[in-house]
Amino acid sequence: LILLAVLPVIALFAYGLTRDPRSIPSPLVGRQAADFTLPLFDGSSFTLAEQRGKVVVLNVWSSWCMPACYNEAPALEAAWQRYRSREVVVVGVNYQDRDAAAREFLARFRHTFPNGPDVNSKIAIEYGVYGVPETFFIDRGGRIAYKHVGEISLPMLVQQIEQLLQQSGGTS
């Protein structure tokens, strides 16, 4: 009798081990991205609503996120340099980090795109972040088009950005 009760639990656990946690679909995809204003490390601020009409790549990262955030950092800067003149904005949201460590990370990777601390994790909560790194692709109309969980590569960034640039993407 105990075996009959335990067997379904073991089977469910075994099935769970075969699933890739990054393949969990986000309920936010297709929905309007939550607006926010991010105070940036350079003293200015970034407001998502002001980016309407542009493709936005929102990357949530931390200096303590090793090795994934370190591995993807050069790809994010490369994507920014490649697309910044084509109505694409890359923005970094620093999650649960120390200010000095975050600034050291940005200097190490020579990030020139907007980056700022997520004070009280408000943005992470709005976007359902459960770990770092996570990257959101927001279309020109302000809708979340894709969410990537885990380290992102330059080919994946290029693929998603190119898809969004090819869309007409009105500002509704």
C-alpha atoms as a PDB file:
ATOM      1  CA  LEU A   1       0.000   0.000   0.000  1.00  0.00           C
ATOM      2  CA  ILE A   2       2.853   2.399   0.801  1.00  0.00           C
ATOM      3  CA  LEU A   3       4.444   1.528  -2.519  1.00  0.00           C
ATOM      4  CA  LEU A   4       1.244   2.548  -4.326  1.00  0.00           C
ATOM      5  CA  ALA A   5       1.314   5.922  -2.603  1.00  0.00           C
ATOM      6  CA  VAL A   6       5.033   6.566  -3.187  1.00  0.00           C
ATOM      7  CA  LEU A   7       5.268   5.365  -6.792  1.00  0.00           C
ATOM      8  CA  PRO A   8       3.357   8.336  -8.350  1.00  0.00           C
ATOM      9  CA  VAL A   9       5.518  10.790  -6.405  1.00  0.00           C
ATOM     10  CA  ILE A  10       8.712   9.103  -7.618  1.00  0.00           C
ATOM     11  CA  ALA A  11       7.390   9.058 -11.191  1.00  0.00           C
ATOM     12  CA  LEU A  12       6.549  12.770 -11.030  1.00  0.00           C
ATOM     13  CA  PHE A  13       9.980  13.563  -9.599  1.00  0.00           C
ATOM     14  CA  ALA A  14      11.696  11.515 -12.326  1.00  0.00           C
ATOM     15  CA  TYR A  15       9.676  13.310 -15.012  1.00  0.00           C
ATOM     16  CA  GLY A  16      10.680  16.667 -13.541  1.00  0.00           C
ATOM     17  CA  LEU A  17      14.343  15.766 -13.847  1.00  0.00           C
ATOM     18  CA  THR A  18      13.921  15.311 -17.605  1.00  0.00           C
ATOM     19  CA  ARG A  19      12.604  18.860 -18.092  1.00  0.00           C
ATOM     20  CA  ASP A  20      14.795  21.867 -18.874  1.00  0.00           C
ATOM     21  CA  PRO A  21      13.895  24.632 -16.363  1.00  0.00           C
ATOM     22  CA  ARG A  22      14.715  27.249 -19.015  1.00  0.00           C
ATOM     23  CA  SER A  23      11.912  25.928 -21.205  1.00  0.00           C
ATOM     24  CA  ILE A  24       9.196  27.056 -18.808  1.00  0.00           C
ATOM     25  CA  PRO A  25       7.120  29.512 -20.846  1.00  0.00           C
ATOM     26  CA  SER A  26       6.664  32.951 -19.353  1.00  0.00           C
ATOM     27  CA  PRO A  27       3.075  34.165 -18.972  1.00  0.00           C
ATOM     28  CA  LEU A  28       4.409  37.661 -19.742  1.00  0.00           C
ATOM     29  CA  VAL A  29       5.290  36.904 -23.372  1.00  0.00           C
ATOM     30  CA  GLY A  30       2.824  38.733 -25.599  1.00  0.00           C
ATOM     31  CA  ARG A  31       1.779  41.120 -22.848  1.00  0.00           C
ATOM     32  CA  GLN A  32       2.584  44.774 -22.392  1.00  0.00           C
ATOM     33  CA  ALA A  33       5.896  45.218 -20.584  1.00  0.00           C
ATOM     34  CA  ALA A  34       5.545  46.848 -17.177  1.00  0.00           C
ATOM     35  CA  ASP A  35       6.809  50.418 -17.278  1.00  0.00           C
ATOM     36  CA  PHE A  36       9.593  51.436 -14.917  1.00  0.00           C
ATOM     37  CA  THR A  37      12.157  54.122 -14.325  1.00  0.00           C
ATOM     38  CA  LEU A  38      15.607  52.788 -13.494  1.00  0.00           C
ATOM     39  CA  PRO A  39      18.150  55.026 -11.754  1.00  0.00           C
ATOM     40  CA  LEU A  40      21.400  54.475 -13.645  1.00  0.00           C
ATOM     41  CA  PHE A  41      24.889  54.104 -12.233  1.00  0.00           C
ATOM     42  CA  ASP A  42      25.972  57.205 -14.193  1.00  0.00           C
ATOM     43  CA  GLY A  43      23.448  59.371 -12.297  1.00  0.00           C
ATOM     44  CA  SER A  44      20.847  59.629 -15.071  1.00  0.00           C
ATOM     45  CA  SER A  45      17.722  57.493 -15.413  1.00  0.00           C
ATOM     46  CA  PHE A  46      16.122  55.152 -17.945  1.00  0.00           C
ATOM     47  CA  THR A  47      12.347  55.058 -18.438  1.00  0.00           C
ATOM     48  CA  LEU A  48      10.946  52.182 -20.452  1.00  0.00           C
ATOM     49  CA  ALA A  49       7.929  54.166 -21.712  1.00  0.00           C
ATOM     50  CA  GLU A  50      10.314  56.625 -23.395  1.00  0.00           C
ATOM     51  CA  GLN A  51      11.690  53.771 -25.534  1.00  0.00           C
ATOM     52  CA  ARG A  52       8.395  53.119 -27.350  1.00  0.00           C
ATOM     53  CA  GLY A  53       9.099  52.608 -31.050  1.00  0.00           C
ATOM     54  CA  LYS A  54      12.427  50.935 -30.307  1.00  0.00           C
ATOM     55  CA  VAL A  55      13.372  47.337 -29.654  1.00  0.00           C
ATOM     56  CA  VAL A  56      14.487  46.938 -26.033  1.00  0.00           C
ATOM     57  CA  VAL A  57      16.745  44.183 -24.725  1.00  0.00           C
ATOM     58  CA  LEU A  58      16.388  44.114 -20.937  1.00  0.00           C
ATOM     59  CA  ASN A  59      19.051  42.019 -19.204  1.00  0.00           C
ATOM     60  CA  VAL A  60      18.816  41.210 -15.487  1.00  0.00           C
ATOM     61  CA  TRP A  61      22.261  40.469 -14.046  1.00  0.00           C
ATOM     62  CA  SER A  62      24.413  40.459 -10.898  1.00  0.00           C
ATOM     63  CA  SER A  63      28.130  40.600 -10.246  1.00  0.00           C
ATOM     64  CA  TRP A  64      27.851  37.479  -8.081  1.00  0.00           C
ATOM     65  CA  CYS A  65      26.280  35.531 -10.983  1.00  0.00           C
ATOM     66  CA  MET A  66      29.191  33.378 -12.092  1.00  0.00           C
ATOM     67  CA  PRO A  67      29.972  32.233 -14.651  1.00  0.00           C
ATOM     68  CA  ALA A  68      26.805  32.987 -16.668  1.00  0.00           C
ATOM     69  CA  CYS A  69      26.680  36.796 -16.256  1.00  0.00           C
ATOM     70  CA  TYR A  70      30.427  37.014 -16.884  1.00  0.00           C
ATOM     71  CA  ASN A  71      30.174  34.854 -19.999  1.00  0.00           C
ATOM     72  CA  GLU A  72      27.301  36.838 -21.520  1.00  0.00           C
ATOM     73  CA  ALA A  73      28.614  40.331 -20.681  1.00  0.00           C
ATOM     74  CA  PRO A  74      30.759  40.716 -23.841  1.00  0.00           C
ATOM     75  CA  ALA A  75      27.851  39.540 -26.047  1.00  0.00           C
ATOM     76  CA  LEU A  76      25.515  42.163 -24.571  1.00  0.00           C
ATOM     77  CA  GLU A  77      28.021  44.960 -25.210  1.00  0.00           C
ATOM     78  CA  ALA A  78      28.640  43.639 -28.741  1.00  0.00           C
ATOM     79  CA  ALA A  79      24.892  43.610 -29.462  1.00  0.00           C
ATOM     80  CA  TRP A  80      24.589  47.162 -28.127  1.00  0.00           C
ATOM     81  CA  GLN A  81      27.441  48.383 -30.329  1.00  0.00           C
ATOM     82  CA  ARG A  82      26.028  46.573 -33.367  1.00  0.00           C
ATOM     83  CA  TYR A  83      22.410  47.738 -33.026  1.00  0.00           C
ATOM     84  CA  ARG A  84      22.389  51.014 -31.100  1.00  0.00           C
ATOM     85  CA  SER A  85      22.129  53.045 -34.312  1.00  0.00           C
ATOM     86  CA  ARG A  86      19.179  50.914 -35.476  1.00  0.00           C
ATOM     87  CA  GLU A  87      16.583  51.877 -32.849  1.00  0.00           C
ATOM     88  CA  VAL A  88      17.634  49.123 -30.435  1.00  0.00           C
ATOM     89  CA  VAL A  89      18.306  49.789 -26.762  1.00  0.00           C
ATOM     90  CA  VAL A  90      20.070  47.421 -24.402  1.00  0.00           C
ATOM     91  CA  VAL A  91      19.504  48.075 -20.704  1.00  0.00           C
ATOM     92  CA  GLY A  92      21.026  46.253 -17.751  1.00  0.00           C
ATOM     93  CA  VAL A  93      19.053  45.791 -14.550  1.00  0.00           C
ATOM     94  CA  ASN A  94      21.385  44.966 -11.664  1.00  0.00           C
ATOM     95  CA  TYR A  95      19.670  42.563  -9.276  1.00  0.00           C
ATOM     96  CA  GLN A  96      20.335  42.153  -5.527  1.00  0.00           C
ATOM     97  CA  ASP A  97      23.921  43.315  -5.703  1.00  0.00           C
ATOM     98  CA  ARG A  98      26.340  45.582  -3.879  1.00  0.00           C
ATOM     99  CA  ASP A  99      26.932  48.934  -5.560  1.00  0.00           C
ATOM    100  CA  ALA A 100      30.738  48.672  -5.594  1.00  0.00           C
ATOM    101  CA  ALA A 101      30.687  45.117  -6.972  1.00  0.00           C
ATOM    102  CA  ALA A 102      28.215  46.085  -9.699  1.00  0.00           C
ATOM    103  CA  ARG A 103      30.293  49.094 -10.743  1.00  0.00           C
ATOM    104  CA  GLU A 104      33.435  46.942 -10.821  1.00  0.00           C
ATOM    105  CA  PHE A 105      31.636  44.434 -13.069  1.00  0.00           C
ATOM    106  CA  LEU A 106      30.561  47.195 -15.484  1.00  0.00           C
ATOM    107  CA  ALA A 107      34.087  48.607 -15.613  1.00  0.00           C
ATOM    108  CA  ARG A 108      35.598  45.164 -16.166  1.00  0.00           C
ATOM    109  CA  PHE A 109      33.403  44.517 -19.201  1.00  0.00           C
ATOM    110  CA  ARG A 110      33.425  48.159 -20.370  1.00  0.00           C
ATOM    111  CA  HIS A 111      29.655  48.268 -20.643  1.00  0.00           C
ATOM    112  CA  THR A 112      28.508  51.452 -22.326  1.00  0.00           C
ATOM    113  CA  PHE A 113      24.781  50.689 -22.435  1.00  0.00           C
ATOM    114  CA  PRO A 114      22.474  51.954 -19.654  1.00  0.00           C
ATOM    115  CA  ASN A 115      22.759  49.993 -16.398  1.00  0.00           C
ATOM    116  CA  GLY A 116      21.268  50.598 -12.994  1.00  0.00           C
ATOM    117  CA  PRO A 117      20.397  48.944  -9.693  1.00  0.00           C
ATOM    118  CA  ASP A 118      16.946  47.433  -9.234  1.00  0.00           C
ATOM    119  CA  VAL A 119      16.136  49.163  -5.952  1.00  0.00           C
ATOM    120  CA  ASN A 120      14.047  46.867  -3.730  1.00  0.00           C
ATOM    121  CA  SER A 121      13.857  44.386  -6.658  1.00  0.00           C
ATOM    122  CA  LYS A 122      10.756  46.164  -7.979  1.00  0.00           C
ATOM    123  CA  ILE A 123      11.548  45.515 -11.650  1.00  0.00           C
ATOM    124  CA  ALA A 124      12.478  41.885 -11.001  1.00  0.00           C
ATOM    125  CA  ILE A 125       9.165  41.347  -9.218  1.00  0.00           C
ATOM    126  CA  GLU A 126       7.190  42.996 -12.051  1.00  0.00           C
ATOM    127  CA  TYR A 127       8.934  40.807 -14.618  1.00  0.00           C
ATOM    128  CA  GLY A 128       8.748  37.574 -12.625  1.00  0.00           C
ATOM    129  CA  VAL A 129      12.503  37.120 -12.406  1.00  0.00           C
ATOM    130  CA  TYR A 130      13.451  34.074 -10.394  1.00  0.00           C
ATOM    131  CA  GLY A 131      17.177  34.011 -11.095  1.00  0.00           C
ATOM    132  CA  VAL A 132      19.936  35.696 -13.025  1.00  0.00           C
ATOM    133  CA  PRO A 133      20.671  36.115 -15.769  1.00  0.00           C
ATOM    134  CA  GLU A 134      17.360  36.595 -17.532  1.00  0.00           C
ATOM    135  CA  THR A 135      16.876  38.597 -20.724  1.00  0.00           C
ATOM    136  CA  PHE A 136      13.623  40.070 -22.023  1.00  0.00           C
ATOM    137  CA  PHE A 137      13.074  41.244 -25.587  1.00  0.00           C
ATOM    138  CA  ILE A 138      10.478  44.012 -25.866  1.00  0.00           C
ATOM    139  CA  ASP A 139       9.040  44.919 -29.264  1.00  0.00           C
ATOM    140  CA  ARG A 140       8.521  48.418 -30.640  1.00  0.00           C
ATOM    141  CA  GLY A 141       4.961  48.430 -29.345  1.00  0.00           C
ATOM    142  CA  GLY A 142       6.140  47.774 -25.786  1.00  0.00           C
ATOM    143  CA  ARG A 143       5.146  44.093 -25.597  1.00  0.00           C
ATOM    144  CA  ILE A 144       7.372  41.335 -24.261  1.00  0.00           C
ATOM    145  CA  ALA A 145       8.169  39.246 -27.319  1.00  0.00           C
ATOM    146  CA  TYR A 146      10.573  36.716 -25.801  1.00  0.00           C
ATOM    147  CA  LYS A 147      12.164  35.792 -22.490  1.00  0.00           C
ATOM    148  CA  HIS A 148      15.502  33.986 -22.276  1.00  0.00           C
ATOM    149  CA  VAL A 149      16.446  32.336 -18.991  1.00  0.00           C
ATOM    150  CA  GLY A 150      20.145  31.751 -18.358  1.00  0.00           C
ATOM    151  CA  GLU A 151      23.271  32.854 -20.151  1.00  0.00           C
ATOM    152  CA  ILE A 152      22.569  34.387 -23.555  1.00  0.00           C
ATOM    153  CA  SER A 153      24.887  34.231 -26.544  1.00  0.00           C
ATOM    154  CA  LEU A 154      25.536  36.791 -29.261  1.00  0.00           C
ATOM    155  CA  PRO A 155      23.874  34.585 -31.926  1.00  0.00           C
ATOM    156  CA  MET A 156      20.714  34.375 -29.783  1.00  0.00           C
ATOM    157  CA  LEU A 157      20.742  38.145 -29.209  1.00  0.00           C
ATOM    158  CA  VAL A 158      21.163  38.780 -32.934  1.00  0.00           C
ATOM    159  CA  GLN A 159      18.397  36.313 -33.826  1.00  0.00           C
ATOM    160  CA  GLN A 160      15.854  37.864 -31.470  1.00  0.00           C
ATOM    161  CA  ILE A 161      16.783  41.472 -32.290  1.00  0.00           C
ATOM    162  CA  GLU A 162      16.638  40.836 -36.049  1.00  0.00           C
ATOM    163  CA  GLN A 163      13.200  39.225 -35.715  1.00  0.00           C
ATOM    164  CA  LEU A 164      11.893  42.244 -33.830  1.00  0.00           C
ATOM    165  CA  LEU A 165      13.454  44.715 -36.256  1.00  0.00           C
ATOM    166  CA  GLN A 166      11.737  42.955 -39.164  1.00  0.00           C
ATOM    167  CA  GLN A 167       8.316  43.316 -37.537  1.00  0.00           C
ATOM    168  CA  SER A 168       6.310  46.433 -38.333  1.00  0.00           C
ATOM    169  CA  GLY A 169       5.769  46.803 -34.573  1.00  0.00           C
ATOM    170  CA  GLY A 170       3.454  49.784 -34.249  1.00  0.00           C
ATOM    171  CA  THR A 171       3.265  51.832 -31.090  1.00  0.00           C
ATOM    172  CA  SER A 172      -0.168  50.702 -29.919  1.00  0.00           C
END
